[in-house]
Amino acid sequence: MGLDIIQCRPACAACCIVISISSPLPGMPNGKPAGIPCVNLDEQQRCKIYDSIDYPLVCRNHKASPEFCGETKEEAMERLGELERLTQNDDLHLRQSLIVLLGSKEL
């Protein structure tokens, strides 16, 4: 059973702020630290390079889901922040943490 995919909320950008990205991004050659907004966000919290050739694979592969995004931007910030904190450890800890965050759903 996989995650349900949803449309991103306008002006949310929680995933572009909260999570760290270790691969280079346009304007961020060393990646993006957690909690730092991506430099590719515009004033309306939209990605300026979305659907361009410069749009990174890591961003392209990210899919919004109710499990991670919640019902509001605040929930998304909280859930993704917790996931970011939990994924700073080993893979076993990550798997256990995801099970806790997602409930009893299979990964």
C-alpha atoms as a PDB file:
ATOM      1  CA  MET A   1       0.000   0.000   0.000  1.00  0.00           C
ATOM      2  CA  GLY A   2       1.525   3.354  -1.048  1.00  0.00           C
ATOM      3  CA  LEU A   3       0.954   6.933  -0.080  1.00  0.00           C
ATOM      4  CA  ASP A   4      -1.970   8.867  -1.529  1.00  0.00           C
ATOM      5  CA  ILE A   5      -0.770  11.669  -3.794  1.00  0.00           C
ATOM      6  CA  ILE A   6      -2.387  15.113  -3.486  1.00  0.00           C
ATOM      7  CA  GLN A   7      -1.998  18.476  -5.191  1.00  0.00           C
ATOM      8  CA  CYS A   8       0.366  20.890  -3.454  1.00  0.00           C
ATOM      9  CA  ARG A   9      -1.329  23.696  -1.553  1.00  0.00           C
ATOM     10  CA  PRO A  10      -0.775  27.195  -2.974  1.00  0.00           C
ATOM     11  CA  ALA A  11       1.799  29.185  -0.983  1.00  0.00           C
ATOM     12  CA  CYS A  12       2.746  26.204   1.209  1.00  0.00           C
ATOM     13  CA  ALA A  13       6.352  25.362   0.247  1.00  0.00           C
ATOM     14  CA  ALA A  14       6.851  23.420   3.496  1.00  0.00           C
ATOM     15  CA  CYS A  15       8.942  20.815   1.664  1.00  0.00           C
ATOM     16  CA  CYS A  16      11.061  23.620   0.140  1.00  0.00           C
ATOM     17  CA  ILE A  17      11.766  25.028   3.595  1.00  0.00           C
ATOM     18  CA  VAL A  18      11.778  22.284   6.222  1.00  0.00           C
ATOM     19  CA  ILE A  19      13.658  19.376   4.686  1.00  0.00           C
ATOM     20  CA  SER A  20      17.360  19.227   3.899  1.00  0.00           C
ATOM     21  CA  ILE A  21      18.562  18.366   0.407  1.00  0.00           C
ATOM     22  CA  SER A  22      22.063  16.982   0.104  1.00  0.00           C
ATOM     23  CA  SER A  23      22.369  17.247  -3.678  1.00  0.00           C
ATOM     24  CA  PRO A  24      23.274  20.500  -5.437  1.00  0.00           C
ATOM     25  CA  LEU A  25      20.397  22.783  -6.433  1.00  0.00           C
ATOM     26  CA  PRO A  26      20.449  25.803  -8.748  1.00  0.00           C
ATOM     27  CA  GLY A  27      21.683  28.635  -6.562  1.00  0.00           C
ATOM     28  CA  MET A  28      22.603  26.217  -3.750  1.00  0.00           C
ATOM     29  CA  PRO A  29      25.612  24.222  -4.981  1.00  0.00           C
ATOM     30  CA  ASN A  30      26.131  22.580  -1.581  1.00  0.00           C
ATOM     31  CA  GLY A  31      22.506  21.536  -1.174  1.00  0.00           C
ATOM     32  CA  LYS A  32      19.902  23.024   1.151  1.00  0.00           C
ATOM     33  CA  PRO A  33      20.095  22.818   4.942  1.00  0.00           C
ATOM     34  CA  ALA A  34      16.945  21.936   6.882  1.00  0.00           C
ATOM     35  CA  GLY A  35      14.884  24.945   7.899  1.00  0.00           C
ATOM     36  CA  ILE A  36      16.358  27.233   5.243  1.00  0.00           C
ATOM     37  CA  PRO A  37      14.007  28.258   2.413  1.00  0.00           C
ATOM     38  CA  CYS A  38      15.178  27.199  -1.040  1.00  0.00           C
ATOM     39  CA  VAL A  39      16.567  30.167  -2.985  1.00  0.00           C
ATOM     40  CA  ASN A  40      14.341  29.145  -5.894  1.00  0.00           C
ATOM     41  CA  LEU A  41      11.130  30.126  -4.082  1.00  0.00           C
ATOM     42  CA  ASP A  42       9.466  33.346  -5.201  1.00  0.00           C
ATOM     43  CA  GLU A  43       7.580  35.851  -3.038  1.00  0.00           C
ATOM     44  CA  GLN A  44       4.395  33.754  -3.314  1.00  0.00           C
ATOM     45  CA  GLN A  45       6.236  30.643  -2.060  1.00  0.00           C
ATOM     46  CA  ARG A  46       6.199  29.024  -5.508  1.00  0.00           C
ATOM     47  CA  CYS A  47       9.157  27.377  -7.196  1.00  0.00           C
ATOM     48  CA  LYS A  48      10.654  29.628  -9.874  1.00  0.00           C
ATOM     49  CA  ILE A  49      12.245  26.662 -11.673  1.00  0.00           C
ATOM     50  CA  TYR A  50       9.377  24.164 -11.466  1.00  0.00           C
ATOM     51  CA  ASP A  51       9.054  22.255 -14.754  1.00  0.00           C
ATOM     52  CA  SER A  52      12.255  23.795 -16.136  1.00  0.00           C
ATOM     53  CA  ILE A  53      15.321  21.823 -17.137  1.00  0.00           C
ATOM     54  CA  ASP A  54      16.981  23.081 -13.924  1.00  0.00           C
ATOM     55  CA  TYR A  55      14.291  21.558 -11.679  1.00  0.00           C
ATOM     56  CA  PRO A  56      16.248  19.009  -9.592  1.00  0.00           C
ATOM     57  CA  LEU A  57      15.439  15.313  -9.714  1.00  0.00           C
ATOM     58  CA  VAL A  58      15.092  15.185  -5.921  1.00  0.00           C
ATOM     59  CA  CYS A  59      12.342  17.827  -6.138  1.00  0.00           C
ATOM     60  CA  ARG A  60      10.757  16.212  -9.194  1.00  0.00           C
ATOM     61  CA  ASN A  61      10.519  12.905  -7.327  1.00  0.00           C
ATOM     62  CA  HIS A  62       8.878  14.429  -4.239  1.00  0.00           C
ATOM     63  CA  LYS A  63       5.124  13.849  -4.149  1.00  0.00           C
ATOM     64  CA  ALA A  64       2.766  15.631  -1.789  1.00  0.00           C
ATOM     65  CA  SER A  65       0.727  13.286   0.388  1.00  0.00           C
ATOM     66  CA  PRO A  66      -1.762  13.744   3.235  1.00  0.00           C
ATOM     67  CA  GLU A  67       0.482  11.658   5.499  1.00  0.00           C
ATOM     68  CA  PHE A  68       3.312  14.171   5.219  1.00  0.00           C
ATOM     69  CA  CYS A  69       1.490  17.363   4.255  1.00  0.00           C
ATOM     70  CA  GLY A  70      -1.482  17.192   6.598  1.00  0.00           C
ATOM     71  CA  GLU A  71      -4.413  19.547   6.157  1.00  0.00           C
ATOM     72  CA  THR A  72      -2.562  22.879   6.546  1.00  0.00           C
ATOM     73  CA  LYS A  73       0.851  24.419   5.919  1.00  0.00           C
ATOM     74  CA  GLU A  74       1.428  24.355   9.672  1.00  0.00           C
ATOM     75  CA  GLU A  75       0.762  20.595   9.807  1.00  0.00           C
ATOM     76  CA  ALA A  76       3.090  20.071   6.849  1.00  0.00           C
ATOM     77  CA  MET A  77       5.838  22.073   8.561  1.00  0.00           C
ATOM     78  CA  GLU A  78       5.400  20.056  11.755  1.00  0.00           C
ATOM     79  CA  ARG A  79       5.238  16.630  10.087  1.00  0.00           C
ATOM     80  CA  LEU A  80       8.106  17.260   7.689  1.00  0.00           C
ATOM     81  CA  GLY A  81      10.134  18.779  10.528  1.00  0.00           C
ATOM     82  CA  GLU A  82       9.658  15.639  12.589  1.00  0.00           C
ATOM     83  CA  LEU A  83      10.557  13.472   9.605  1.00  0.00           C
ATOM     84  CA  GLU A  84      13.692  15.561   9.008  1.00  0.00           C
ATOM     85  CA  ARG A  85      14.698  15.169  12.638  1.00  0.00           C
ATOM     86  CA  LEU A  86      14.081  11.437  12.594  1.00  0.00           C
ATOM     87  CA  THR A  87      15.937  10.811   9.353  1.00  0.00           C
ATOM     88  CA  GLN A  88      19.177  12.168  10.737  1.00  0.00           C
ATOM     89  CA  ASN A  89      19.735   8.659  12.154  1.00  0.00           C
ATOM     90  CA  ASP A  90      20.237   5.216  10.639  1.00  0.00           C
ATOM     91  CA  ASP A  91      17.887   3.377   8.260  1.00  0.00           C
ATOM     92  CA  LEU A  92      16.362   1.135  10.947  1.00  0.00           C
ATOM     93  CA  HIS A  93      15.457   4.165  13.019  1.00  0.00           C
ATOM     94  CA  LEU A  94      14.010   5.792   9.894  1.00  0.00           C
ATOM     95  CA  ARG A  95      11.803   2.796   9.136  1.00  0.00           C
ATOM     96  CA  GLN A  96      10.567   2.626  12.725  1.00  0.00           C
ATOM     97  CA  SER A  97       9.894   6.365  12.736  1.00  0.00           C
ATOM     98  CA  LEU A  98       7.974   6.251   9.463  1.00  0.00           C
ATOM     99  CA  ILE A  99       5.807   3.442  10.829  1.00  0.00           C
ATOM    100  CA  VAL A 100       5.017   5.613  13.860  1.00  0.00           C
ATOM    101  CA  LEU A 101       4.288   8.677  11.689  1.00  0.00           C
ATOM    102  CA  LEU A 102       2.142   6.789   9.185  1.00  0.00           C
ATOM    103  CA  GLY A 103       0.449   4.439  11.586  1.00  0.00           C
ATOM    104  CA  SER A 104       0.213   0.788  10.650  1.00  0.00           C
ATOM    105  CA  LYS A 105       0.388   1.337   6.884  1.00  0.00           C
ATOM    106  CA  GLU A 106       2.903  -0.771   5.021  1.00  0.00           C
ATOM    107  CA  LEU A 107       5.955   1.056   3.683  1.00  0.00           C
END
